[in-house]
Amino acid sequence: MASTEQPNASIDISTLDPFSEIERGHACKTLHLHKFCGFARCRRTHRCTGDPRRCFQTHGAAVPQDVRAFAEKLLVAARYDSVRPGEGGRWLSETYPRETEAFALWSARFAEHH
């Protein structure tokens, strides 16, 4: 007998995170969010060792909007690259030049202190 239950209509799809925990962790590391974290283990290991979604939401405020946008698009580019090798980076730099430049400047700030 077929089920007559309806899917849970109360789920707001717009609140679901399209990225995995691993992808979010990579975004946190790429943005150097461990530098802003209160956990010593995150600062010591230079990566998020907690909940990367919470980390991105909490510490992401310290990152300029263009740089945060780059991190999100970098995850999309990585997926694109897995289907069409070598195309993700090109797509990212051509489609988001301002964000790419902002990210390069952001990263340079941390390269000097590493």
C-alpha atoms as a PDB file:
ATOM      1  CA  MET A   1       0.000   0.000   0.000  1.00  0.00           C
ATOM      2  CA  ALA A   2       1.395   3.402  -0.993  1.00  0.00           C
ATOM      3  CA  SER A   3       2.105   5.910   1.748  1.00  0.00           C
ATOM      4  CA  THR A   4      -0.184   8.927   1.852  1.00  0.00           C
ATOM      5  CA  GLU A   5       2.233  10.994   3.929  1.00  0.00           C
ATOM      6  CA  GLN A   6       3.278  14.307   2.455  1.00  0.00           C
ATOM      7  CA  PRO A   7       6.892  15.480   2.629  1.00  0.00           C
ATOM      8  CA  ASN A   8       7.575  17.812   5.524  1.00  0.00           C
ATOM      9  CA  ALA A   9       6.386  21.120   4.077  1.00  0.00           C
ATOM     10  CA  SER A  10       7.879  23.066   6.984  1.00  0.00           C
ATOM     11  CA  ILE A  11      11.452  22.617   5.740  1.00  0.00           C
ATOM     12  CA  ASP A  12      12.782  25.861   4.282  1.00  0.00           C
ATOM     13  CA  ILE A  13      15.125  24.771   1.484  1.00  0.00           C
ATOM     14  CA  SER A  14      16.782  28.207   1.375  1.00  0.00           C
ATOM     15  CA  THR A  15      18.270  27.567   4.830  1.00  0.00           C
ATOM     16  CA  LEU A  16      19.952  24.299   3.830  1.00  0.00           C
ATOM     17  CA  ASP A  17      23.699  24.526   3.342  1.00  0.00           C
ATOM     18  CA  PRO A  18      24.604  23.333  -0.165  1.00  0.00           C
ATOM     19  CA  PHE A  19      28.187  22.616   0.902  1.00  0.00           C
ATOM     20  CA  SER A  20      29.478  19.661   2.881  1.00  0.00           C
ATOM     21  CA  GLU A  21      31.270  19.948   6.207  1.00  0.00           C
ATOM     22  CA  ILE A  22      34.561  19.176   4.437  1.00  0.00           C
ATOM     23  CA  GLU A  23      33.955  21.929   1.887  1.00  0.00           C
ATOM     24  CA  ARG A  24      33.045  24.420   4.627  1.00  0.00           C
ATOM     25  CA  GLY A  25      36.183  23.416   6.542  1.00  0.00           C
ATOM     26  CA  HIS A  26      38.243  24.139   3.449  1.00  0.00           C
ATOM     27  CA  ALA A  27      36.572  27.555   3.108  1.00  0.00           C
ATOM     28  CA  CYS A  28      37.382  28.337   6.753  1.00  0.00           C
ATOM     29  CA  LYS A  29      41.025  27.382   6.230  1.00  0.00           C
ATOM     30  CA  THR A  30      41.234  29.333   2.966  1.00  0.00           C
ATOM     31  CA  LEU A  31      39.889  32.452   4.690  1.00  0.00           C
ATOM     32  CA  HIS A  32      42.268  32.026   7.663  1.00  0.00           C
ATOM     33  CA  LEU A  33      39.340  32.036  10.078  1.00  0.00           C
ATOM     34  CA  HIS A  34      41.449  30.153  12.636  1.00  0.00           C
ATOM     35  CA  LYS A  35      43.237  33.482  13.235  1.00  0.00           C
ATOM     36  CA  PHE A  36      39.985  34.863  14.700  1.00  0.00           C
ATOM     37  CA  CYS A  37      38.993  31.758  16.664  1.00  0.00           C
ATOM     38  CA  GLY A  38      38.923  31.518  20.437  1.00  0.00           C
ATOM     39  CA  PHE A  39      39.912  27.832  20.347  1.00  0.00           C
ATOM     40  CA  ALA A  40      43.649  27.287  20.762  1.00  0.00           C
ATOM     41  CA  ARG A  41      43.487  24.025  18.812  1.00  0.00           C
ATOM     42  CA  CYS A  42      42.134  25.865  15.751  1.00  0.00           C
ATOM     43  CA  ARG A  43      44.880  28.495  15.944  1.00  0.00           C
ATOM     44  CA  ARG A  44      47.530  25.827  16.529  1.00  0.00           C
ATOM     45  CA  THR A  45      46.447  23.566  13.637  1.00  0.00           C
ATOM     46  CA  HIS A  46      45.670  26.507  11.295  1.00  0.00           C
ATOM     47  CA  ARG A  47      42.207  25.141  10.517  1.00  0.00           C
ATOM     48  CA  CYS A  48      38.711  24.830  11.944  1.00  0.00           C
ATOM     49  CA  THR A  49      38.571  21.895  14.340  1.00  0.00           C
ATOM     50  CA  GLY A  50      34.978  22.572  15.393  1.00  0.00           C
ATOM     51  CA  ASP A  51      31.828  23.110  13.370  1.00  0.00           C
ATOM     52  CA  PRO A  52      32.931  24.789  10.119  1.00  0.00           C
ATOM     53  CA  ARG A  53      29.450  26.130   9.371  1.00  0.00           C
ATOM     54  CA  ARG A  54      29.334  27.878  12.751  1.00  0.00           C
ATOM     55  CA  CYS A  55      32.916  29.060  12.265  1.00  0.00           C
ATOM     56  CA  PHE A  56      32.079  30.529   8.852  1.00  0.00           C
ATOM     57  CA  GLN A  57      28.978  32.258  10.225  1.00  0.00           C
ATOM     58  CA  THR A  58      30.698  33.564  13.364  1.00  0.00           C
ATOM     59  CA  HIS A  59      34.193  34.483  12.232  1.00  0.00           C
ATOM     60  CA  GLY A  60      33.266  35.232   8.635  1.00  0.00           C
ATOM     61  CA  ALA A  61      32.105  38.670   9.778  1.00  0.00           C
ATOM     62  CA  ALA A  62      35.784  39.610  10.163  1.00  0.00           C
ATOM     63  CA  VAL A  63      36.322  38.925   6.464  1.00  0.00           C
ATOM     64  CA  PRO A  64      35.407  41.465   3.755  1.00  0.00           C
ATOM     65  CA  GLN A  65      32.265  40.565   1.786  1.00  0.00           C
ATOM     66  CA  ASP A  66      34.136  40.178  -1.541  1.00  0.00           C
ATOM     67  CA  VAL A  67      36.541  37.721   0.086  1.00  0.00           C
ATOM     68  CA  ARG A  68      33.709  35.683   1.643  1.00  0.00           C
ATOM     69  CA  ALA A  69      31.995  35.610  -1.749  1.00  0.00           C
ATOM     70  CA  PHE A  70      35.229  34.331  -3.306  1.00  0.00           C
ATOM     71  CA  ALA A  71      35.388  31.455  -0.808  1.00  0.00           C
ATOM     72  CA  GLU A  72      31.849  30.400  -1.691  1.00  0.00           C
ATOM     73  CA  LYS A  73      32.563  30.603  -5.423  1.00  0.00           C
ATOM     74  CA  LEU A  74      35.844  28.725  -4.926  1.00  0.00           C
ATOM     75  CA  LEU A  75      33.828  25.763  -3.665  1.00  0.00           C
ATOM     76  CA  VAL A  76      31.608  25.965  -6.751  1.00  0.00           C
ATOM     77  CA  ALA A  77      34.705  26.189  -8.982  1.00  0.00           C
ATOM     78  CA  ALA A  78      36.155  23.072  -7.337  1.00  0.00           C
ATOM     79  CA  ARG A  79      32.991  21.148  -8.170  1.00  0.00           C
ATOM     80  CA  TYR A  80      33.118  22.479 -11.733  1.00  0.00           C
ATOM     81  CA  ASP A  81      36.776  21.474 -11.960  1.00  0.00           C
ATOM     82  CA  SER A  82      35.916  17.918 -10.959  1.00  0.00           C
ATOM     83  CA  VAL A  83      33.675  17.661 -14.024  1.00  0.00           C
ATOM     84  CA  ARG A  84      35.842  19.694 -16.398  1.00  0.00           C
ATOM     85  CA  PRO A  85      39.441  19.567 -15.135  1.00  0.00           C
ATOM     86  CA  GLY A  86      41.228  22.899 -15.340  1.00  0.00           C
ATOM     87  CA  GLU A  87      38.083  24.901 -16.052  1.00  0.00           C
ATOM     88  CA  GLY A  88      37.044  25.810 -12.490  1.00  0.00           C
ATOM     89  CA  GLY A  89      39.896  28.218 -11.842  1.00  0.00           C
ATOM     90  CA  ARG A  90      39.476  29.874 -15.213  1.00  0.00           C
ATOM     91  CA  TRP A  91      35.734  30.260 -14.660  1.00  0.00           C
ATOM     92  CA  LEU A  92      36.349  31.761 -11.216  1.00  0.00           C
ATOM     93  CA  SER A  93      38.905  34.343 -12.334  1.00  0.00           C
ATOM     94  CA  GLU A  94      36.909  35.352 -15.427  1.00  0.00           C
ATOM     95  CA  THR A  95      33.529  35.529 -13.709  1.00  0.00           C
ATOM     96  CA  TYR A  96      34.628  37.007 -10.379  1.00  0.00           C
ATOM     97  CA  PRO A  97      37.710  39.171 -11.048  1.00  0.00           C
ATOM     98  CA  ARG A  98      36.992  41.683  -8.248  1.00  0.00           C
ATOM     99  CA  GLU A  99      36.488  38.911  -5.680  1.00  0.00           C
ATOM    100  CA  THR A 100      39.597  37.084  -6.915  1.00  0.00           C
ATOM    101  CA  GLU A 101      41.694  40.236  -6.447  1.00  0.00           C
ATOM    102  CA  ALA A 102      40.186  40.903  -3.007  1.00  0.00           C
ATOM    103  CA  PHE A 103      41.010  37.342  -1.970  1.00  0.00           C
ATOM    104  CA  ALA A 104      44.611  37.679  -3.204  1.00  0.00           C
ATOM    105  CA  LEU A 105      45.044  40.830  -1.088  1.00  0.00           C
ATOM    106  CA  TRP A 106      43.422  39.147   1.926  1.00  0.00           C
ATOM    107  CA  SER A 107      45.693  36.101   1.617  1.00  0.00           C
ATOM    108  CA  ALA A 108      48.792  38.289   1.254  1.00  0.00           C
ATOM    109  CA  ARG A 109      48.076  39.801   4.672  1.00  0.00           C
ATOM    110  CA  PHE A 110      48.449  36.386   6.258  1.00  0.00           C
ATOM    111  CA  ALA A 111      51.364  35.201   4.134  1.00  0.00           C
ATOM    112  CA  GLU A 112      53.502  37.976   5.639  1.00  0.00           C
ATOM    113  CA  HIS A 113      52.871  36.693   9.175  1.00  0.00           C
ATOM    114  CA  HIS A 114      53.294  33.000   8.528  1.00  0.00           C
END
